[in-house]
Amino acid sequence: MHNLRDLAEPLDARDHLWKIVISANKSLRKEFLTELQRMNIHNQTLFRGLGGLAADLENYILMPEFFVGIEPKI
């Protein structure tokens, strides 16, 4: 947000920057995450490395059905 604000003229920034807040309960968040996962949009593809992987694993706790039928490789 700071970078975007610094690029715009002080008066223009208010006309062109929008902040959208979506309040969602647990089931709606799960639905959003499922749809984004279906489109291959998730933390691990957006943020490479351990940080993205850790954020993805946190989201997968909400969706254990993704692990059904997956056999661990040892």
N, C-alpha and C. Protein backbone atom coordinates (compact mmCIF):
# COMPACT_ATOMS: atom_id res chain seq x y z
N MET A 1 0.81 -1.18 0.00
CA MET A 1 0.00 0.00 0.00
C MET A 1 0.86 1.25 0.00
N HIS A 2 1.98 1.19 0.73
CA HIS A 2 2.85 2.36 0.79
C HIS A 2 3.44 2.67 -0.59
N ASN A 3 3.83 1.63 -1.33
CA ASN A 3 4.39 1.85 -2.67
C ASN A 3 3.36 2.47 -3.59
N LEU A 4 2.14 1.97 -3.57
CA LEU A 4 1.09 2.54 -4.42
C LEU A 4 0.79 3.98 -4.04
N ARG A 5 0.75 4.23 -2.75
CA ARG A 5 0.46 5.59 -2.30
C ARG A 5 1.58 6.56 -2.72
N ASP A 6 2.83 6.12 -2.68
CA ASP A 6 3.95 6.97 -3.05
C ASP A 6 4.00 7.24 -4.55
N LEU A 7 3.47 6.32 -5.36
CA LEU A 7 3.46 6.52 -6.81
C LEU A 7 2.43 7.56 -7.26
N ALA A 8 1.37 7.69 -6.53
CA ALA A 8 0.28 8.58 -6.94
C ALA A 8 0.49 9.98 -6.35
N GLU A 9 -0.07 10.94 -7.03
CA GLU A 9 -0.10 12.30 -6.49
C GLU A 9 -1.00 12.28 -5.25
N PRO A 10 -0.75 13.13 -4.29
CA PRO A 10 -1.55 13.09 -3.06
C PRO A 10 -3.05 13.16 -3.28
N LEU A 11 -3.51 14.00 -4.20
CA LEU A 11 -4.96 14.12 -4.42
C LEU A 11 -5.51 12.99 -5.28
N ASP A 12 -4.67 12.42 -6.16
CA ASP A 12 -5.13 11.35 -7.04
C ASP A 12 -5.25 10.02 -6.31
N ALA A 13 -4.50 9.80 -5.27
CA ALA A 13 -4.47 8.51 -4.59
C ALA A 13 -5.85 8.12 -4.07
N ARG A 14 -6.57 9.06 -3.54
CA ARG A 14 -7.89 8.74 -2.98
C ARG A 14 -8.88 8.35 -4.06
N ASP A 15 -8.69 8.83 -5.28
CA ASP A 15 -9.61 8.51 -6.36
C ASP A 15 -9.33 7.14 -6.99
N HIS A 16 -8.11 6.62 -6.83
CA HIS A 16 -7.72 5.41 -7.56
C HIS A 16 -7.41 4.20 -6.68
N LEU A 17 -7.29 4.36 -5.39
CA LEU A 17 -7.00 3.24 -4.51
C LEU A 17 -8.27 2.84 -3.77
N TRP A 18 -8.56 1.56 -3.79
CA TRP A 18 -9.74 1.04 -3.11
C TRP A 18 -9.31 -0.07 -2.16
N LYS A 19 -9.93 -0.11 -1.04
CA LYS A 19 -9.72 -1.21 -0.11
C LYS A 19 -11.07 -1.91 0.07
N ILE A 20 -11.09 -3.19 -0.23
CA ILE A 20 -12.32 -3.96 -0.13
C ILE A 20 -12.14 -4.97 1.00
N VAL A 21 -13.00 -4.91 1.97
CA VAL A 21 -12.96 -5.83 3.10
C VAL A 21 -14.13 -6.79 2.97
N ILE A 22 -13.81 -8.08 2.95
CA ILE A 22 -14.84 -9.11 2.85
C ILE A 22 -14.85 -9.86 4.17
N SER A 23 -15.93 -9.75 4.90
CA SER A 23 -16.03 -10.51 6.14
C SER A 23 -16.66 -11.86 5.80
N ALA A 24 -16.01 -12.90 6.24
CA ALA A 24 -16.47 -14.25 5.90
C ALA A 24 -16.39 -15.14 7.13
N ASN A 25 -17.38 -15.99 7.28
CA ASN A 25 -17.32 -16.96 8.35
C ASN A 25 -16.47 -18.15 7.88
N LYS A 26 -16.33 -19.14 8.72
CA LYS A 26 -15.44 -20.27 8.44
C LYS A 26 -15.87 -21.05 7.20
N SER A 27 -17.16 -21.28 7.03
CA SER A 27 -17.63 -22.07 5.88
C SER A 27 -17.46 -21.29 4.57
N LEU A 28 -17.68 -19.98 4.60
CA LEU A 28 -17.50 -19.17 3.41
C LEU A 28 -16.02 -19.08 3.04
N ARG A 29 -15.15 -18.96 4.05
CA ARG A 29 -13.70 -18.95 3.80
C ARG A 29 -13.26 -20.27 3.17
N LYS A 30 -13.81 -21.36 3.66
CA LYS A 30 -13.49 -22.68 3.11
C LYS A 30 -13.92 -22.76 1.65
N GLU A 31 -15.09 -22.23 1.33
CA GLU A 31 -15.57 -22.23 -0.05
C GLU A 31 -14.66 -21.39 -0.95
N PHE A 32 -14.25 -20.20 -0.47
CA PHE A 32 -13.33 -19.36 -1.23
C PHE A 32 -12.01 -20.07 -1.49
N LEU A 33 -11.45 -20.68 -0.44
CA LEU A 33 -10.17 -21.36 -0.58
C LEU A 33 -10.26 -22.55 -1.53
N THR A 34 -11.38 -23.27 -1.48
CA THR A 34 -11.57 -24.40 -2.38
C THR A 34 -11.61 -23.95 -3.83
N GLU A 35 -12.33 -22.88 -4.11
CA GLU A 35 -12.40 -22.37 -5.49
C GLU A 35 -11.05 -21.84 -5.96
N LEU A 36 -10.33 -21.14 -5.11
CA LEU A 36 -9.01 -20.66 -5.49
C LEU A 36 -8.05 -21.82 -5.72
N GLN A 37 -8.13 -22.85 -4.88
CA GLN A 37 -7.29 -24.04 -5.05
C GLN A 37 -7.60 -24.72 -6.39
N ARG A 38 -8.87 -24.78 -6.75
CA ARG A 38 -9.27 -25.38 -8.01
C ARG A 38 -8.65 -24.65 -9.20
N MET A 39 -8.47 -23.32 -9.05
CA MET A 39 -7.87 -22.51 -10.11
C MET A 39 -6.35 -22.41 -9.97
N ASN A 40 -5.78 -23.20 -9.06
CA ASN A 40 -4.34 -23.22 -8.79
C ASN A 40 -3.83 -21.86 -8.31
N ILE A 41 -4.65 -21.18 -7.53
CA ILE A 41 -4.26 -19.92 -6.91
C ILE A 41 -4.22 -20.16 -5.41
N HIS A 42 -3.04 -20.24 -4.88
CA HIS A 42 -2.89 -20.43 -3.45
C HIS A 42 -1.55 -19.85 -3.01
N ASN A 43 -1.32 -19.85 -1.72
CA ASN A 43 -0.13 -19.19 -1.17
C ASN A 43 1.17 -19.74 -1.75
N GLN A 44 1.23 -21.03 -1.96
CA GLN A 44 2.48 -21.63 -2.43
C GLN A 44 2.81 -21.20 -3.86
N THR A 45 1.82 -20.97 -4.71
CA THR A 45 2.11 -20.51 -6.06
C THR A 45 2.33 -19.00 -6.11
N LEU A 46 1.73 -18.27 -5.19
CA LEU A 46 1.91 -16.82 -5.17
C LEU A 46 3.19 -16.40 -4.44
N PHE A 47 3.52 -17.09 -3.36
CA PHE A 47 4.68 -16.76 -2.53
C PHE A 47 5.56 -17.99 -2.42
N ARG A 48 6.57 -18.06 -3.27
CA ARG A 48 7.46 -19.22 -3.31
C ARG A 48 8.28 -19.31 -2.03
N GLY A 49 8.63 -20.51 -1.66
CA GLY A 49 9.50 -20.72 -0.50
C GLY A 49 8.74 -21.26 0.70
N LEU A 50 9.43 -21.26 1.82
CA LEU A 50 8.86 -21.83 3.03
C LEU A 50 7.67 -21.05 3.56
N GLY A 51 7.68 -19.73 3.38
CA GLY A 51 6.57 -18.91 3.86
C GLY A 51 5.26 -19.27 3.16
N GLY A 52 5.32 -19.43 1.83
CA GLY A 52 4.13 -19.81 1.08
C GLY A 52 3.67 -21.22 1.42
N LEU A 53 4.63 -22.12 1.59
CA LEU A 53 4.30 -23.49 1.96
C LEU A 53 3.63 -23.53 3.33
N ALA A 54 4.17 -22.78 4.29
CA ALA A 54 3.60 -22.76 5.64
C ALA A 54 2.18 -22.18 5.62
N ALA A 55 1.96 -21.12 4.84
CA ALA A 55 0.63 -20.53 4.76
C ALA A 55 -0.35 -21.49 4.09
N ASP A 56 0.12 -22.24 3.08
CA ASP A 56 -0.73 -23.24 2.43
C ASP A 56 -1.13 -24.34 3.41
N LEU A 57 -0.18 -24.82 4.18
CA LEU A 57 -0.47 -25.88 5.14
C LEU A 57 -1.48 -25.40 6.19
N GLU A 58 -1.40 -24.14 6.56
CA GLU A 58 -2.37 -23.58 7.50
C GLU A 58 -3.77 -23.61 6.90
N ASN A 59 -3.89 -23.29 5.61
CA ASN A 59 -5.20 -23.32 4.95
C ASN A 59 -5.70 -24.74 4.77
N TYR A 60 -4.80 -25.70 4.55
CA TYR A 60 -5.22 -27.09 4.35
C TYR A 60 -5.81 -27.70 5.61
N ILE A 61 -5.49 -27.13 6.77
CA ILE A 61 -6.09 -27.63 8.00
C ILE A 61 -7.61 -27.47 7.94
N LEU A 62 -8.06 -26.41 7.24
CA LEU A 62 -9.50 -26.19 7.08
C LEU A 62 -10.13 -27.16 6.08
N MET A 63 -9.29 -27.75 5.19
CA MET A 63 -9.82 -28.57 4.11
C MET A 63 -9.17 -29.95 4.09
N PRO A 64 -9.47 -30.81 5.06
CA PRO A 64 -8.84 -32.13 5.09
C PRO A 64 -9.27 -33.03 3.93
N GLU A 65 -10.36 -32.68 3.23
CA GLU A 65 -10.81 -33.51 2.10
C GLU A 65 -9.80 -33.51 0.95
N PHE A 66 -8.90 -32.54 0.91
CA PHE A 66 -7.86 -32.53 -0.12
C PHE A 66 -6.88 -33.68 0.05
N PHE A 67 -6.79 -34.24 1.27
CA PHE A 67 -5.83 -35.30 1.55
C PHE A 67 -6.42 -36.70 1.40
N VAL A 68 -7.72 -36.80 1.11
CA VAL A 68 -8.35 -38.10 0.95
C VAL A 68 -7.79 -38.78 -0.30
N GLY A 69 -7.34 -40.01 -0.14
CA GLY A 69 -6.83 -40.78 -1.26
C GLY A 69 -5.37 -40.52 -1.59
N ILE A 70 -4.71 -39.67 -0.85
CA ILE A 70 -3.29 -39.40 -1.08
C ILE A 70 -2.47 -40.32 -0.18
N GLU A 71 -1.65 -41.12 -0.78
CA GLU A 71 -0.79 -42.04 -0.04
C GLU A 71 0.54 -41.37 0.24
N PRO A 72 1.04 -41.44 1.48
CA PRO A 72 2.34 -40.84 1.77
C PRO A 72 3.47 -41.60 1.07
N LYS A 73 4.45 -40.86 0.59
CA LYS A 73 5.63 -41.49 -0.02
C LYS A 73 6.75 -41.53 0.99
N ILE A 74 7.17 -42.73 1.31
CA ILE A 74 8.22 -42.90 2.32
C ILE A 74 9.48 -43.41 1.65
